[in-house]
């Protein structure tokens, strides 16, 4: 480069994203912006402040406060509904002066009250904005609403769709016999569908936990005592006012807190999502292994390149990308869960910084879900390979043969001694043919019906009730 000066990428407009979620992978995670971005946080703060003002006036909590008309309430809620880029910029300008994000929201809303139509009661309720609240009263409710929206409206539907996709593939392949590997060695055959059903069942179980997780909220003042509330309006039933407000927002009321809501519900939720991530990670690594083994063939994408030097390659990049994003998401979720449950005495601000990373935590998980889903759609099954693998491993029938010998011995058939050891001697470290196995069975002296049943058995038919398990126990 010599003495040539490079262009400062930091000065390029529009701004270049620092991280991949807002750059390369923006399209896959964009729906989360409506819930977990800084702008979404400010919109929810406005929402909470508006609903608190409406709650106080509707329930006549503060003596002398005017009753709002339907038009007044519609005006206030429209402030939230129309919150967009201009309002984001306006709030940022106010915060540059206040150097306090929640105070900026208070001033923003008071300005909207001042701009209300002439004669509106909204001109007389400015001092009820943020009434008796500490910043955390607004923040904890805002984050609960944000996370609930992100989970129920974006993440959970995507995770459910992926789980349904895995379940559908499991049903499709329920009867496809496949040589199983335990410790990487040939083992009792299974079906491809049953193996996928195990993963679908595991994913579904985590989703049911996540769907039932609670989102808690509090509104009780600077140290959780309703101190300012009681002094300002001593005759109000403040716990009831608080509870009904929190429940009005669709949240679960937390009656006992310090200045901050304790965030235990967040730790519980993030642990469940991280566990879903890890099960999905297991699916990604298993499918990657099936691709490497040849069980799955990847359908080439026209024009795509697998390697810069090896033109034959179709790399399992969707599953590898999924793995990486699941690991990043789980690491962030683990950090959130472990950090948020601790606050020094009444509060410290570690939670404020930590919670601003909820978006990336869910973003990497959502991106992984998209990767794995796209990867699964590009697979086909090599049934010829599966049949060949089974036919090359007749020794796996050592298990049912020795089990039949044990049952025969219990029933009083003689000559069934040491079944395990005899099958071990026959099969361990050896490749058997169908003739080898049938000759051994024929010489055991088993009852005719048992001998016939075993002689008809093949590695491909030795799958137990795997297909029935898929049909019976896989979630609809």
Protein backbone atom coordinates (compact mmCIF):
# COMPACT_ATOMS: atom_id res chain seq x y z
CA UNK A 1 0.00 0.00 0.00
CA UNK A 2 2.97 2.32 0.47
CA UNK A 3 1.88 5.66 1.89
CA UNK A 4 -1.65 5.47 0.48
CA UNK A 5 -4.39 6.28 3.00
CA UNK A 6 -7.25 3.83 3.25
CA UNK A 7 -10.90 4.88 3.18
CA UNK A 8 -12.34 4.99 6.72
CA UNK A 9 -15.16 2.49 6.57
CA UNK A 10 -16.53 3.92 9.81
CA UNK A 11 -17.34 7.13 7.90
CA UNK A 12 -19.26 5.47 5.08
CA UNK A 13 -22.95 6.39 4.81
CA UNK A 14 -25.27 4.63 5.28
CA UNK A 15 -23.43 3.17 8.25
CA UNK A 16 -21.80 -0.23 7.78
CA UNK A 17 -22.90 -2.79 10.37
CA UNK A 18 -20.26 -3.91 12.84
CA UNK A 19 -21.85 -7.29 13.44
CA UNK A 20 -23.19 -9.91 11.02
CA UNK A 21 -26.75 -9.89 12.37
CA UNK A 22 -27.19 -6.30 11.19
CA UNK A 23 -25.11 -6.88 8.08
CA UNK A 24 -24.72 -10.16 6.21
CA UNK A 25 -27.64 -11.92 7.90
CA UNK A 26 -30.01 -8.98 8.33
CA UNK A 27 -32.84 -10.50 6.29
CA UNK A 28 -33.06 -13.63 8.46
CA UNK A 29 -33.28 -11.75 11.76
CA UNK A 30 -35.06 -8.54 10.73
CA UNK A 31 -38.38 -9.51 12.40
CA UNK A 32 -36.68 -9.28 15.79
CA UNK A 33 -35.89 -5.59 15.27
CA UNK A 34 -39.55 -4.80 15.95
CA UNK A 35 -39.15 -6.29 19.42
CA UNK A 36 -35.55 -6.30 20.67
CA UNK A 37 -33.85 -3.23 19.18
CA UNK A 38 -33.09 0.00 21.04
CA UNK A 39 -35.91 1.67 19.11
CA UNK A 40 -38.28 -1.11 20.18
CA UNK A 41 -37.22 -0.56 23.80
CA UNK A 42 -38.08 3.13 23.57
CA UNK A 43 -41.41 2.38 21.92
CA UNK A 44 -42.31 -0.03 24.73
CA UNK A 45 -41.28 2.59 27.29
CA UNK A 46 -43.71 5.03 25.67
CA UNK A 47 -46.32 2.26 25.64
CA UNK A 48 -45.90 1.56 29.36
CA UNK A 49 -45.99 5.25 30.28
CA UNK A 50 -49.14 5.75 28.19
CA UNK A 51 -50.91 2.75 29.72
CA UNK A 52 -49.89 3.81 33.25
CA UNK A 53 -51.40 7.26 32.63
CA UNK A 54 -54.59 5.69 31.29
CA UNK A 55 -54.71 3.23 34.21
CA UNK A 56 -54.37 5.98 36.82
CA UNK A 57 -57.07 8.14 35.30
CA UNK A 58 -59.50 5.39 34.35
CA UNK A 59 -59.41 3.94 37.87
CA UNK A 60 -59.49 7.39 39.56
CA UNK A 61 -56.42 6.50 41.58
CA UNK A 62 -55.22 10.08 42.09
CA UNK A 63 -57.92 12.40 43.47
CA UNK A 64 -58.68 15.39 41.26
CA UNK A 65 -57.31 13.88 38.06
CA UNK A 66 -59.66 14.39 35.10
CA UNK A 67 -61.36 11.49 33.39
CA UNK A 68 -60.05 10.89 29.90
CA UNK A 69 -62.45 10.52 27.00
CA UNK A 70 -62.25 7.72 24.46
CA UNK A 71 -60.73 10.26 22.09
CA UNK A 72 -58.07 11.13 24.66
CA UNK A 73 -57.15 7.47 25.11
CA UNK A 74 -57.08 6.93 21.36
CA UNK A 75 -54.77 9.93 21.00
CA UNK A 76 -52.37 8.51 23.60
CA UNK A 77 -52.32 5.05 22.08
CA UNK A 78 -51.75 6.52 18.64
CA UNK A 79 -48.49 7.98 19.99
CA UNK A 80 -47.32 4.39 20.43
CA UNK A 81 -48.82 3.06 17.20
CA UNK A 82 -47.18 5.77 15.07
CA UNK A 83 -43.81 5.62 16.81
CA UNK A 84 -41.33 5.51 13.93
CA UNK A 85 -38.03 6.89 12.64
CA UNK A 86 -38.91 10.54 13.31
CA UNK A 87 -39.81 9.76 16.90
CA UNK A 88 -36.64 7.69 17.34
CA UNK A 89 -34.60 10.69 16.22
CA UNK A 90 -36.58 13.06 18.42
CA UNK A 91 -36.05 10.90 21.49
CA UNK A 92 -32.35 10.67 20.77
CA UNK A 93 -32.17 14.46 20.62
CA UNK A 94 -33.95 14.77 23.98
CA UNK A 95 -31.65 12.17 25.53
CA UNK A 96 -28.60 14.13 24.43
CA UNK A 97 -29.81 16.80 26.85
CA UNK A 98 -31.15 14.63 29.68
CA UNK A 99 -28.37 12.03 29.47
CA UNK A 100 -31.06 9.69 30.80
CA UNK A 101 -33.07 7.45 28.51
CA UNK A 102 -36.25 7.04 30.60
CA UNK A 103 -36.39 10.73 31.49
CA UNK A 104 -36.20 11.46 27.79
CA UNK A 105 -39.28 9.29 27.27
CA UNK A 106 -41.13 11.23 29.98
CA UNK A 107 -40.35 14.56 28.31
CA UNK A 108 -41.24 13.13 24.90
CA UNK A 109 -44.68 12.08 26.13
CA UNK A 110 -45.32 15.35 27.96
CA UNK A 111 -44.68 17.16 24.70
CA UNK A 112 -47.32 14.98 23.06
CA UNK A 113 -49.76 15.92 25.81
CA UNK A 114 -49.05 19.58 25.23
CA UNK A 115 -49.76 19.06 21.52
CA UNK A 116 -53.14 17.41 22.17
CA UNK A 117 -56.24 19.00 20.63
CA UNK A 118 -57.54 22.14 22.32
CA UNK A 119 -59.89 21.43 25.19
CA UNK A 120 -58.57 17.93 25.77
CA UNK A 121 -58.14 16.76 29.37
CA UNK A 122 -54.66 15.60 28.34
CA UNK A 123 -53.43 19.17 28.91
CA UNK A 124 -54.15 18.69 32.62
CA UNK A 125 -52.49 15.32 33.30
CA UNK A 126 -48.85 16.06 32.53
CA UNK A 127 -47.76 15.43 36.11
CA UNK A 128 -49.27 11.96 36.02
CA UNK A 129 -46.72 10.91 33.40
CA UNK A 130 -44.22 8.70 35.23
CA UNK A 131 -46.18 9.28 38.44
CA UNK A 132 -44.47 7.64 41.49
CA UNK A 133 -42.32 5.58 39.13
CA UNK A 134 -38.66 4.79 39.19
CA UNK A 135 -36.97 4.13 35.86
CA UNK A 136 -36.91 0.41 36.52
CA UNK A 137 -40.70 0.37 36.88
CA UNK A 138 -40.85 1.36 33.23
CA UNK A 139 -37.84 -0.64 32.05
CA UNK A 140 -38.76 -4.00 33.57
CA UNK A 141 -42.23 -3.86 32.06
CA UNK A 142 -40.85 -2.74 28.71
CA UNK A 143 -38.34 -5.58 28.55
CA UNK A 144 -40.97 -8.12 29.57
CA UNK A 145 -43.23 -6.91 26.74
CA UNK A 146 -40.33 -6.86 24.28
CA UNK A 147 -39.13 -10.37 25.09
CA UNK A 148 -42.66 -11.76 25.16
CA UNK A 149 -43.33 -10.28 21.72
CA UNK A 150 -40.04 -11.56 20.31
CA UNK A 151 -40.63 -15.06 21.63
CA UNK A 152 -44.33 -15.48 20.91
CA UNK A 153 -44.49 -13.61 17.60
CA UNK A 154 -41.12 -14.37 16.00
CA UNK A 155 -38.86 -16.96 17.63
CA UNK A 156 -41.43 -19.51 18.78
CA UNK A 157 -43.31 -19.71 15.43
CA UNK A 158 -39.99 -20.21 13.61
CA UNK A 159 -38.82 -22.84 16.09
CA UNK A 160 -42.19 -24.58 15.88
CA UNK A 161 -42.10 -24.60 12.08
CA UNK A 162 -38.63 -26.18 12.13
CA UNK A 163 -39.71 -28.81 14.66
CA UNK A 164 -42.74 -29.61 12.49
CA UNK A 165 -40.41 -29.89 9.50
CA UNK A 166 -38.24 -32.43 11.34
CA UNK A 167 -41.34 -34.33 12.46
CA UNK A 168 -42.69 -34.44 8.90
CA UNK A 169 -39.39 -35.83 7.63
CA UNK A 170 -39.45 -38.39 10.45
CA UNK A 171 -42.92 -39.58 9.43
CA UNK A 172 -41.87 -39.73 5.79
CA UNK A 173 -38.88 -41.93 6.65
CA UNK A 174 -40.51 -43.87 9.50
CA UNK A 175 -40.09 -47.23 7.75
CA UNK A 176 -36.73 -46.60 6.07
CA UNK A 177 -34.34 -49.14 7.67
CA UNK A 178 -30.88 -47.91 8.52
CA UNK A 179 -27.82 -49.38 10.18
CA UNK A 180 -27.37 -47.67 13.52
CA UNK A 181 -23.96 -46.76 14.86
CA UNK A 182 -23.17 -46.78 18.56
CA UNK A 183 -19.72 -45.45 19.38
CA UNK A 184 -19.37 -45.18 15.61
CA UNK A 185 -19.59 -48.98 15.23
CA UNK A 186 -22.30 -51.02 13.46
CA UNK A 187 -25.15 -51.73 15.87
CA UNK A 188 -28.80 -52.77 16.05
CA UNK A 189 -30.60 -51.35 12.99
CA UNK A 190 -33.16 -48.61 13.36
CA UNK A 191 -35.13 -46.51 10.91
CA UNK A 192 -34.10 -43.09 9.69
CA UNK A 193 -37.50 -41.77 10.67
CA UNK A 194 -37.22 -43.02 14.23
CA UNK A 195 -33.85 -41.28 14.68
CA UNK A 196 -35.31 -38.02 13.39
CA UNK A 197 -38.40 -38.51 15.55
CA UNK A 198 -36.22 -38.62 18.66
CA UNK A 199 -34.91 -35.17 17.80
CA UNK A 200 -38.35 -33.81 16.91
CA UNK A 201 -39.70 -35.12 20.23
CA UNK A 202 -36.86 -33.47 22.14
CA UNK A 203 -37.32 -30.15 20.36
CA UNK A 204 -41.07 -30.24 20.90
CA UNK A 205 -40.64 -30.83 24.62
CA UNK A 206 -38.48 -27.74 24.97
CA UNK A 207 -40.94 -25.66 22.94
CA UNK A 208 -43.77 -26.68 25.27
CA UNK A 209 -41.70 -25.49 28.23
CA UNK A 210 -40.93 -22.20 26.50
CA UNK A 211 -44.57 -21.66 25.54
CA UNK A 212 -45.51 -21.96 29.22
CA UNK A 213 -42.77 -19.68 30.58
CA UNK A 214 -43.95 -16.64 32.54
CA UNK A 215 -43.14 -12.99 31.90
CA UNK A 216 -43.09 -11.07 35.19
CA UNK A 217 -43.39 -7.38 35.88
CA UNK A 218 -43.50 -4.99 38.81
CA UNK A 219 -44.44 -1.39 39.55
CA UNK A 220 -43.67 -0.53 43.18
CA UNK A 221 -41.25 2.39 43.25
CA UNK A 222 -37.64 3.11 44.02
CA UNK A 223 -37.08 0.35 46.57
CA UNK A 224 -40.14 -1.84 46.08
CA UNK A 225 -42.03 -0.34 49.03
CA UNK A 226 -44.63 1.85 47.29
CA UNK A 227 -43.09 4.62 49.40
CA UNK A 228 -43.81 7.59 47.15
CA UNK A 229 -47.17 6.15 46.16
CA UNK A 230 -48.44 5.91 49.75
CA UNK A 231 -47.18 9.36 50.72
CA UNK A 232 -48.71 11.02 47.66
CA UNK A 233 -52.05 9.14 47.74
CA UNK A 234 -52.39 7.34 51.10
CA UNK A 235 -55.92 6.06 50.55
CA UNK A 236 -55.21 4.10 47.35
CA UNK A 237 -54.82 0.32 47.43
CA UNK A 238 -51.47 0.47 45.72
CA UNK A 239 -50.71 -3.26 45.52
CA UNK A 240 -54.03 -3.76 43.74
CA UNK A 241 -53.37 -0.78 41.45
CA UNK A 242 -49.94 -2.24 40.62
CA UNK A 243 -51.18 -5.79 40.12
CA UNK A 244 -54.09 -4.84 37.88
CA UNK A 245 -51.83 -2.63 35.79
CA UNK A 246 -49.20 -5.32 35.28
CA UNK A 247 -51.88 -7.88 34.45
CA UNK A 248 -53.52 -5.39 32.08
CA UNK A 249 -50.27 -5.49 30.12
CA UNK A 250 -50.58 -9.27 29.91
CA UNK A 251 -47.77 -9.97 32.38
CA UNK A 252 -47.54 -11.82 35.69
CA UNK A 253 -47.30 -9.50 38.70
CA UNK A 254 -44.26 -9.79 40.94
CA UNK A 255 -45.29 -8.43 44.39
CA UNK A 256 -41.91 -8.55 46.14
CA UNK A 257 -38.87 -6.91 44.59
CA UNK A 258 -36.07 -4.49 45.27
CA UNK A 259 -35.79 -1.46 42.99
CA UNK A 260 -35.48 -3.89 40.12
CA UNK A 261 -37.68 -6.79 39.08
CA UNK A 262 -35.55 -9.78 39.95
CA UNK A 263 -35.20 -11.10 36.37
CA UNK A 264 -35.54 -14.72 37.50
CA UNK A 265 -38.16 -15.27 34.80
CA UNK A 266 -35.64 -14.18 32.21
CA UNK A 267 -33.07 -16.67 33.50
CA UNK A 268 -35.69 -19.42 33.33
CA UNK A 269 -36.70 -18.53 29.78
CA UNK A 270 -33.14 -18.17 28.51
CA UNK A 271 -32.16 -21.52 30.03
CA UNK A 272 -35.05 -23.15 28.16
CA UNK A 273 -34.17 -21.46 24.87
CA UNK A 274 -30.49 -22.40 25.31
CA UNK A 275 -31.56 -26.02 25.90
CA UNK A 276 -33.60 -25.93 22.68
CA UNK A 277 -30.50 -24.55 20.96
CA UNK A 278 -28.41 -27.44 22.23
CA UNK A 279 -30.89 -30.06 21.08
CA UNK A 280 -30.98 -28.37 17.68
CA UNK A 281 -27.18 -28.35 17.72
CA UNK A 282 -27.33 -32.14 18.24
CA UNK A 283 -29.62 -32.40 15.22
CA UNK A 284 -27.19 -30.33 13.13
CA UNK A 285 -24.19 -32.48 14.07
CA UNK A 286 -26.11 -35.73 13.48
CA UNK A 287 -27.35 -34.62 10.07
CA UNK A 288 -23.83 -33.43 9.22
CA UNK A 289 -22.60 -36.93 10.10
CA UNK A 290 -25.33 -38.56 8.01
CA UNK A 291 -24.27 -36.39 5.08
CA UNK A 292 -20.63 -37.35 5.60
CA UNK A 293 -21.62 -41.03 5.76
CA UNK A 294 -23.72 -40.70 2.61
CA UNK A 295 -27.12 -41.35 4.18
CA UNK A 296 -28.25 -37.94 3.01
CA UNK A 297 -27.34 -36.50 -0.36
CA UNK A 298 -27.38 -32.72 -0.64
CA UNK A 299 -29.28 -31.38 -3.60
CA UNK A 300 -26.94 -29.01 -5.45
CA UNK A 301 -28.02 -25.39 -5.84
CA UNK A 302 -27.57 -24.10 -9.36
CA UNK A 303 -24.61 -21.73 -9.56
CA UNK A 304 -23.45 -22.41 -5.99
CA UNK A 305 -19.80 -23.22 -5.26
CA UNK A 306 -18.78 -25.77 -2.62
CA UNK A 307 -15.06 -25.19 -2.78
CA UNK A 308 -12.78 -22.64 -4.41
CA UNK A 309 -10.54 -25.45 -5.71
CA UNK A 310 -12.55 -28.71 -5.60
CA UNK A 311 -15.48 -28.38 -7.99
CA UNK A 312 -17.13 -31.67 -6.92
CA UNK A 313 -17.91 -30.55 -3.38
CA UNK A 314 -21.32 -29.73 -1.95
CA UNK A 315 -20.51 -28.67 1.59
CA UNK A 316 -23.02 -29.02 4.48
CA UNK A 317 -22.68 -25.31 5.20
CA UNK A 318 -26.25 -24.80 6.44
CA UNK A 319 -25.69 -27.19 9.30
CA UNK A 320 -22.21 -25.87 10.07
CA UNK A 321 -23.49 -22.29 10.12
CA UNK A 322 -26.35 -23.47 12.30
CA UNK A 323 -23.91 -25.04 14.77
CA UNK A 324 -21.87 -21.86 15.06
CA UNK A 325 -24.88 -19.61 15.56
CA UNK A 326 -26.39 -21.95 18.14
CA UNK A 327 -23.15 -21.90 20.09
CA UNK A 328 -23.04 -18.09 20.01
CA UNK A 329 -26.69 -17.82 21.02
CA UNK A 330 -26.34 -20.28 23.88
CA UNK A 331 -23.23 -18.54 25.17
CA UNK A 332 -25.08 -15.21 25.25
CA UNK A 333 -28.19 -16.77 26.82
CA UNK A 334 -26.06 -18.46 29.49
CA UNK A 335 -24.42 -15.13 30.28
CA UNK A 336 -27.77 -13.35 30.44
CA UNK A 337 -29.24 -16.01 32.71
CA UNK A 338 -26.30 -16.06 35.12
CA UNK A 339 -25.81 -12.28 35.24
CA UNK A 340 -29.38 -11.07 35.48
CA UNK A 341 -30.30 -13.00 38.64
CA UNK A 342 -27.77 -11.02 40.68
CA UNK A 343 -28.00 -7.34 41.62
CA UNK A 344 -26.09 -5.62 44.38
CA UNK A 345 -28.61 -4.84 47.14
CA UNK A 346 -31.31 -2.61 45.65
CA UNK A 347 -29.75 -2.44 42.22
CA UNK A 348 -26.77 -1.93 39.99
CA UNK A 349 -26.64 -1.21 36.28
CA UNK A 350 -25.09 -4.45 35.06
CA UNK A 351 -28.57 -5.59 34.02
CA UNK A 352 -29.04 -2.49 31.86
CA UNK A 353 -26.03 -3.29 29.69
CA UNK A 354 -26.67 -7.03 29.74
CA UNK A 355 -30.28 -6.76 28.60
CA UNK A 356 -29.25 -4.78 25.55
CA UNK A 357 -27.78 -8.05 24.24
CA UNK A 358 -31.03 -10.01 24.36
CA UNK A 359 -31.48 -9.21 20.67
CA UNK A 360 -28.21 -10.82 19.53
CA UNK A 361 -28.91 -13.87 21.72
CA UNK A 362 -32.23 -14.52 20.00
CA UNK A 363 -30.88 -13.32 16.66
CA UNK A 364 -28.20 -16.00 16.47
CA UNK A 365 -30.76 -18.65 17.44
CA UNK A 366 -33.26 -17.45 14.84
CA UNK A 367 -30.51 -17.42 12.21
CA UNK A 368 -29.56 -20.99 13.13
CA UNK A 369 -33.18 -22.10 12.83
CA UNK A 370 -33.28 -20.57 9.35
CA UNK A 371 -30.00 -22.27 8.40
CA UNK A 372 -31.06 -25.72 9.56
CA UNK A 373 -34.48 -25.41 7.98
CA UNK A 374 -32.97 -24.52 4.62
CA UNK A 375 -30.43 -27.31 4.98
CA UNK A 376 -33.13 -29.91 5.64
CA UNK A 377 -35.06 -28.82 2.55
CA UNK A 378 -32.02 -29.62 0.38
CA UNK A 379 -31.62 -33.27 1.41
CA UNK A 380 -32.53 -36.54 -0.25
CA UNK A 381 -32.02 -40.07 1.11
CA UNK A 382 -29.60 -42.52 -0.50
CA UNK A 383 -31.68 -45.67 -0.06
CA UNK A 384 -29.24 -47.79 -2.06
CA UNK A 385 -26.44 -46.95 0.36
CA UNK A 386 -28.62 -47.73 3.36
CA UNK A 387 -29.55 -51.11 1.93
CA UNK A 388 -25.92 -51.89 1.15
CA UNK A 389 -24.75 -50.96 4.65
CA UNK A 390 -27.32 -53.26 6.19
CA UNK A 391 -26.49 -56.16 3.90
CA UNK A 392 -22.80 -55.82 4.75
CA UNK A 393 -23.41 -56.16 8.49
CA UNK A 394 -25.20 -59.43 9.20
CA UNK A 395 -23.30 -59.70 12.45
CA UNK A 396 -25.76 -57.22 14.00
CA UNK A 397 -28.21 -60.13 14.18
CA UNK A 398 -26.08 -61.58 16.96
CA UNK A 399 -28.21 -59.61 19.41
CA UNK A 400 -31.63 -61.05 18.51
CA UNK A 401 -30.26 -64.56 18.13
CA UNK A 402 -28.71 -64.63 21.61
CA UNK A 403 -31.83 -63.01 23.05
CA UNK A 404 -33.99 -65.74 21.45
CA UNK A 405 -31.64 -68.36 22.89
CA UNK A 406 -32.05 -66.85 26.37
CA UNK A 407 -35.84 -66.93 26.03
CA UNK A 408 -35.72 -70.53 24.82
CA UNK A 409 -33.51 -71.52 27.75
CA UNK A 410 -36.00 -69.99 30.20
CA UNK A 411 -38.76 -71.98 28.43
CA UNK A 412 -36.83 -75.22 29.08
CA UNK A 413 -35.10 -75.79 25.74
CA UNK A 414 -31.78 -77.57 26.27
CA UNK A 415 -28.49 -76.69 24.59
CA UNK A 416 -28.96 -72.95 24.97
CA UNK A 417 -26.04 -72.43 27.36
CA UNK A 418 -23.82 -69.34 27.14
CA UNK A 419 -25.75 -67.64 24.32
CA UNK A 420 -23.95 -64.31 24.60
CA UNK A 421 -20.52 -65.86 24.61
CA UNK A 422 -21.30 -68.11 21.64
CA UNK A 423 -22.57 -65.20 19.57
CA UNK A 424 -19.59 -63.11 20.65
CA UNK A 425 -17.25 -65.83 19.39
CA UNK A 426 -19.14 -66.01 16.11
CA UNK A 427 -19.50 -62.30 15.38
CA UNK A 428 -16.93 -60.15 17.16
CA UNK A 429 -14.47 -58.58 14.75
CA UNK A 430 -15.87 -60.54 11.80
CA UNK A 431 -18.02 -59.81 8.83
CA UNK A 432 -20.70 -62.48 8.39
CA UNK A 433 -22.82 -63.32 5.38
CA UNK A 434 -26.47 -64.29 5.37
CA UNK A 435 -25.45 -67.91 4.87
CA UNK A 436 -23.08 -67.77 7.86
CA UNK A 437 -25.80 -66.51 10.15
CA UNK A 438 -28.48 -68.92 8.93
CA UNK A 439 -26.14 -71.86 9.19
CA UNK A 440 -25.39 -70.92 12.80
CA UNK A 441 -29.10 -70.54 13.60
CA UNK A 442 -29.89 -73.88 12.00
CA UNK A 443 -27.39 -75.67 14.21
CA UNK A 444 -28.61 -74.32 17.54
CA UNK A 445 -31.48 -76.73 18.11
CA UNK A 446 -34.05 -74.00 18.62
CA UNK A 447 -37.78 -74.80 18.38
CA UNK A 448 -38.86 -74.85 14.74
CA UNK A 449 -40.98 -71.70 14.98
CA UNK A 450 -38.17 -69.73 16.64
CA UNK A 451 -35.58 -70.99 14.17
CA UNK A 452 -37.85 -70.08 11.26
CA UNK A 453 -38.46 -66.59 12.66
CA UNK A 454 -34.74 -65.98 13.08
CA UNK A 455 -33.87 -67.44 9.68
CA UNK A 456 -36.26 -65.01 8.00
CA UNK A 457 -34.74 -62.07 9.85
CA UNK A 458 -32.43 -59.71 7.94
CA UNK A 459 -30.58 -56.60 9.07
CA UNK A 460 -33.10 -54.55 7.08
CA UNK A 461 -36.11 -56.15 8.81
CA UNK A 462 -34.55 -56.05 12.28
CA UNK A 463 -35.94 -52.65 13.25
CA UNK A 464 -38.32 -53.68 16.02
CA UNK A 465 -41.30 -51.35 16.30
CA UNK A 466 -39.36 -48.26 15.25
CA UNK A 467 -41.93 -47.20 12.64
CA UNK A 468 -44.81 -47.69 15.08
CA UNK A 469 -43.03 -45.57 17.70
CA UNK A 470 -42.86 -42.71 15.20
CA UNK A 471 -46.55 -42.95 14.43
CA UNK A 472 -47.61 -43.32 18.06
CA UNK A 473 -45.42 -40.95 20.01
CA UNK A 474 -44.30 -38.25 17.62
CA UNK A 475 -46.20 -35.02 18.36
CA UNK A 476 -48.81 -33.98 15.83
